[in-house]
Amino acid sequence: MWKVYKYNGRHIQGDLISKHHSETAAMKKAKKTINFKFSEREKRKNEILIWLDDDNHMPIGVIVHELKGTKRIRQGKKKE
């Protein structure tokens, strides 16, 4: 799930604007509501961040996508 956040005067990840299933839909919504000029994509261990900046490269929003790893849990009895 891609989440679009807008700077609220205190935190960059302040106000949740919208949630989307695709990155392109999130970018379109951010362009309409936040009106950013520059974007920078950063991939971390468990999430993808797209920083949204204005003309002076000041951050005014962020798009967050949490990566979900698949964990396999074995169910059954342990042999003793």
N, C-alpha and C. Protein backbone atom coordinates (compact mmCIF):
# COMPACT_ATOMS: atom_id res chain seq x y z
N MET A 1 0.84 -1.17 0.00
CA MET A 1 0.00 0.00 0.00
C MET A 1 0.89 1.24 0.00
N TRP A 2 0.66 2.12 -0.94
CA TRP A 2 1.39 3.37 -1.07
C TRP A 2 0.61 4.46 -0.34
N LYS A 3 1.24 5.16 0.60
CA LYS A 3 0.58 6.19 1.39
C LYS A 3 1.23 7.54 1.10
N VAL A 4 0.39 8.54 0.83
CA VAL A 4 0.86 9.89 0.52
C VAL A 4 0.67 10.77 1.75
N TYR A 5 1.75 11.37 2.23
CA TYR A 5 1.71 12.24 3.39
C TYR A 5 2.13 13.65 3.00
N LYS A 6 1.54 14.64 3.67
CA LYS A 6 1.85 16.05 3.42
C LYS A 6 2.41 16.69 4.69
N TYR A 7 3.34 17.60 4.52
CA TYR A 7 3.94 18.34 5.64
C TYR A 7 2.86 19.17 6.33
N ASN A 8 2.77 19.07 7.66
CA ASN A 8 1.71 19.78 8.39
C ASN A 8 2.25 20.93 9.24
N GLY A 9 3.47 21.37 8.98
CA GLY A 9 4.06 22.45 9.77
C GLY A 9 4.94 21.95 10.89
N ARG A 10 4.80 20.67 11.21
CA ARG A 10 5.61 20.11 12.29
C ARG A 10 6.37 18.86 11.83
N HIS A 11 5.68 17.97 11.11
CA HIS A 11 6.29 16.73 10.64
C HIS A 11 6.11 16.60 9.14
N ILE A 12 7.13 16.07 8.46
CA ILE A 12 7.02 15.85 7.03
C ILE A 12 6.00 14.76 6.75
N GLN A 13 5.99 13.71 7.57
CA GLN A 13 5.00 12.66 7.45
C GLN A 13 3.84 12.99 8.39
N GLY A 14 3.24 14.16 8.17
CA GLY A 14 2.23 14.68 9.08
C GLY A 14 0.82 14.26 8.76
N ASP A 15 0.23 14.79 7.69
CA ASP A 15 -1.16 14.52 7.35
C ASP A 15 -1.25 13.48 6.25
N LEU A 16 -2.02 12.42 6.50
CA LEU A 16 -2.25 11.40 5.49
C LEU A 16 -3.23 11.94 4.46
N ILE A 17 -2.80 11.99 3.20
CA ILE A 17 -3.64 12.50 2.11
C ILE A 17 -4.46 11.37 1.52
N SER A 18 -3.79 10.25 1.14
CA SER A 18 -4.50 9.15 0.50
C SER A 18 -3.67 7.87 0.54
N LYS A 19 -4.33 6.75 0.21
CA LYS A 19 -3.70 5.43 0.09
C LYS A 19 -3.98 4.89 -1.31
N HIS A 20 -2.98 4.23 -1.90
CA HIS A 20 -3.12 3.72 -3.26
C HIS A 20 -2.48 2.35 -3.37
N HIS A 21 -2.91 1.59 -4.39
CA HIS A 21 -2.35 0.28 -4.64
C HIS A 21 -1.16 0.33 -5.60
N SER A 22 -0.99 1.43 -6.33
CA SER A 22 0.13 1.53 -7.26
C SER A 22 0.91 2.82 -7.02
N GLU A 23 2.17 2.79 -7.42
CA GLU A 23 3.04 3.94 -7.25
C GLU A 23 2.62 5.09 -8.16
N THR A 24 2.18 4.78 -9.37
CA THR A 24 1.79 5.83 -10.31
C THR A 24 0.56 6.59 -9.83
N ALA A 25 -0.39 5.89 -9.24
CA ALA A 25 -1.58 6.55 -8.70
C ALA A 25 -1.21 7.45 -7.53
N ALA A 26 -0.29 7.01 -6.70
CA ALA A 26 0.16 7.82 -5.56
C ALA A 26 0.89 9.07 -6.04
N MET A 27 1.70 8.94 -7.09
CA MET A 27 2.42 10.09 -7.63
C MET A 27 1.46 11.10 -8.26
N LYS A 28 0.42 10.63 -8.93
CA LYS A 28 -0.57 11.53 -9.54
C LYS A 28 -1.32 12.31 -8.46
N LYS A 29 -1.71 11.64 -7.40
CA LYS A 29 -2.42 12.30 -6.30
C LYS A 29 -1.53 13.31 -5.61
N ALA A 30 -0.26 12.97 -5.41
CA ALA A 30 0.69 13.89 -4.78
C ALA A 30 0.92 15.11 -5.66
N LYS A 31 0.98 14.92 -6.95
CA LYS A 31 1.20 16.05 -7.87
C LYS A 31 0.01 17.01 -7.81
N LYS A 32 -1.21 16.46 -7.70
CA LYS A 32 -2.41 17.30 -7.61
C LYS A 32 -2.50 18.07 -6.30
N THR A 33 -2.28 17.39 -5.19
CA THR A 33 -2.53 18.00 -3.89
C THR A 33 -1.33 18.74 -3.31
N ILE A 34 -0.13 18.20 -3.49
CA ILE A 34 1.06 18.79 -2.88
C ILE A 34 1.77 19.74 -3.84
N ASN A 35 1.72 19.45 -5.13
CA ASN A 35 2.35 20.27 -6.17
C ASN A 35 3.85 20.41 -5.94
N PHE A 36 4.55 19.27 -5.89
CA PHE A 36 5.99 19.25 -5.69
C PHE A 36 6.72 19.46 -7.01
N LYS A 37 7.99 19.83 -6.94
CA LYS A 37 8.81 20.05 -8.14
C LYS A 37 9.86 18.96 -8.32
N PHE A 38 10.40 18.43 -7.23
CA PHE A 38 11.43 17.41 -7.29
C PHE A 38 11.04 16.21 -6.44
N SER A 39 11.47 15.03 -6.87
CA SER A 39 11.23 13.83 -6.08
C SER A 39 12.49 12.98 -6.07
N GLU A 40 12.71 12.30 -4.96
CA GLU A 40 13.89 11.44 -4.80
C GLU A 40 13.44 10.13 -4.17
N ARG A 41 13.75 9.03 -4.85
CA ARG A 41 13.35 7.71 -4.39
C ARG A 41 14.48 7.10 -3.56
N GLU A 42 14.11 6.56 -2.39
CA GLU A 42 15.08 5.96 -1.48
C GLU A 42 14.54 4.60 -1.06
N LYS A 43 15.35 3.57 -1.23
CA LYS A 43 14.94 2.23 -0.84
C LYS A 43 15.71 1.81 0.40
N ARG A 44 14.96 1.49 1.43
CA ARG A 44 15.56 1.02 2.68
C ARG A 44 15.31 -0.48 2.81
N LYS A 45 15.68 -1.03 3.93
CA LYS A 45 15.56 -2.47 4.13
C LYS A 45 14.12 -2.97 4.01
N ASN A 46 13.19 -2.26 4.65
CA ASN A 46 11.81 -2.74 4.68
C ASN A 46 10.79 -1.73 4.16
N GLU A 47 11.25 -0.69 3.46
CA GLU A 47 10.31 0.29 2.92
C GLU A 47 10.93 1.07 1.77
N ILE A 48 10.06 1.66 0.96
CA ILE A 48 10.47 2.55 -0.12
C ILE A 48 9.91 3.92 0.22
N LEU A 49 10.77 4.95 0.17
CA LEU A 49 10.36 6.32 0.45
C LEU A 49 10.59 7.16 -0.80
N ILE A 50 9.61 7.97 -1.15
CA ILE A 50 9.77 8.94 -2.23
C ILE A 50 9.58 10.31 -1.60
N TRP A 51 10.69 11.05 -1.48
CA TRP A 51 10.66 12.37 -0.86
C TRP A 51 10.20 13.38 -1.90
N LEU A 52 9.28 14.26 -1.52
CA LEU A 52 8.71 15.28 -2.40
C LEU A 52 9.21 16.64 -1.94
N ASP A 53 9.87 17.38 -2.84
CA ASP A 53 10.49 18.66 -2.50
C ASP A 53 9.90 19.79 -3.35
N ASP A 54 10.00 21.02 -2.81
CA ASP A 54 9.54 22.20 -3.56
C ASP A 54 10.68 22.78 -4.39
N ASP A 55 10.52 24.00 -4.87
CA ASP A 55 11.54 24.65 -5.72
C ASP A 55 12.89 24.78 -5.04
N ASN A 56 12.90 25.02 -3.74
CA ASN A 56 14.13 25.23 -2.98
C ASN A 56 14.68 23.93 -2.39
N HIS A 57 14.17 22.79 -2.84
CA HIS A 57 14.55 21.47 -2.34
C HIS A 57 14.24 21.28 -0.86
N MET A 58 13.22 21.96 -0.37
CA MET A 58 12.75 21.77 0.99
C MET A 58 11.69 20.67 0.96
N PRO A 59 11.75 19.68 1.85
CA PRO A 59 10.78 18.60 1.84
C PRO A 59 9.38 19.09 2.23
N ILE A 60 8.39 18.73 1.41
CA ILE A 60 7.00 19.13 1.68
C ILE A 60 6.07 17.94 1.73
N GLY A 61 6.61 16.74 1.55
CA GLY A 61 5.78 15.55 1.61
C GLY A 61 6.60 14.30 1.37
N VAL A 62 5.95 13.15 1.55
CA VAL A 62 6.63 11.87 1.34
C VAL A 62 5.59 10.82 0.95
N ILE A 63 6.01 9.89 0.12
CA ILE A 63 5.19 8.73 -0.23
C ILE A 63 5.89 7.52 0.35
N VAL A 64 5.17 6.72 1.12
CA VAL A 64 5.75 5.59 1.84
C VAL A 64 5.12 4.30 1.35
N HIS A 65 5.97 3.30 1.11
CA HIS A 65 5.49 1.96 0.76
C HIS A 65 6.26 0.96 1.61
N GLU A 66 5.54 0.25 2.48
CA GLU A 66 6.19 -0.74 3.34
C GLU A 66 6.26 -2.07 2.60
N LEU A 67 7.46 -2.63 2.55
CA LEU A 67 7.65 -3.91 1.89
C LEU A 67 7.34 -5.01 2.89
N LYS A 68 6.59 -5.97 2.43
CA LYS A 68 6.22 -7.08 3.31
C LYS A 68 7.01 -8.30 2.89
N GLY A 69 7.79 -8.80 3.78
CA GLY A 69 8.53 -10.03 3.52
C GLY A 69 7.66 -11.23 3.83
N THR A 70 7.90 -12.30 3.12
CA THR A 70 7.12 -13.51 3.39
C THR A 70 7.88 -14.35 4.40
N LYS A 71 7.19 -14.74 5.43
CA LYS A 71 7.78 -15.59 6.45
C LYS A 71 7.06 -16.93 6.40
N ARG A 72 7.84 -17.97 6.38
CA ARG A 72 7.26 -19.31 6.40
C ARG A 72 7.30 -19.85 7.81
N ILE A 73 6.19 -20.25 8.26
CA ILE A 73 6.12 -20.84 9.59
C ILE A 73 5.74 -22.31 9.40
N ARG A 74 6.56 -23.17 9.91
CA ARG A 74 6.27 -24.59 9.80
C ARG A 74 5.31 -24.97 10.91
N GLN A 75 4.26 -25.61 10.49
CA GLN A 75 3.30 -26.07 11.47
C GLN A 75 3.37 -27.59 11.51
N GLY A 76 3.28 -28.09 12.65
CA GLY A 76 3.35 -29.54 12.81
C GLY A 76 4.05 -29.89 14.10
N LYS A 77 4.07 -31.15 14.36
CA LYS A 77 4.69 -31.61 15.61
C LYS A 77 6.18 -31.78 15.42
N LYS A 78 6.90 -31.45 16.46
CA LYS A 78 8.33 -31.64 16.48
C LYS A 78 8.62 -33.10 16.81
N LYS A 79 9.57 -33.66 16.10
CA LYS A 79 9.97 -35.02 16.42
C LYS A 79 10.96 -34.97 17.56
N GLU A 80 10.74 -35.81 18.51
CA GLU A 80 11.63 -35.81 19.68
C GLU A 80 12.44 -37.06 19.72
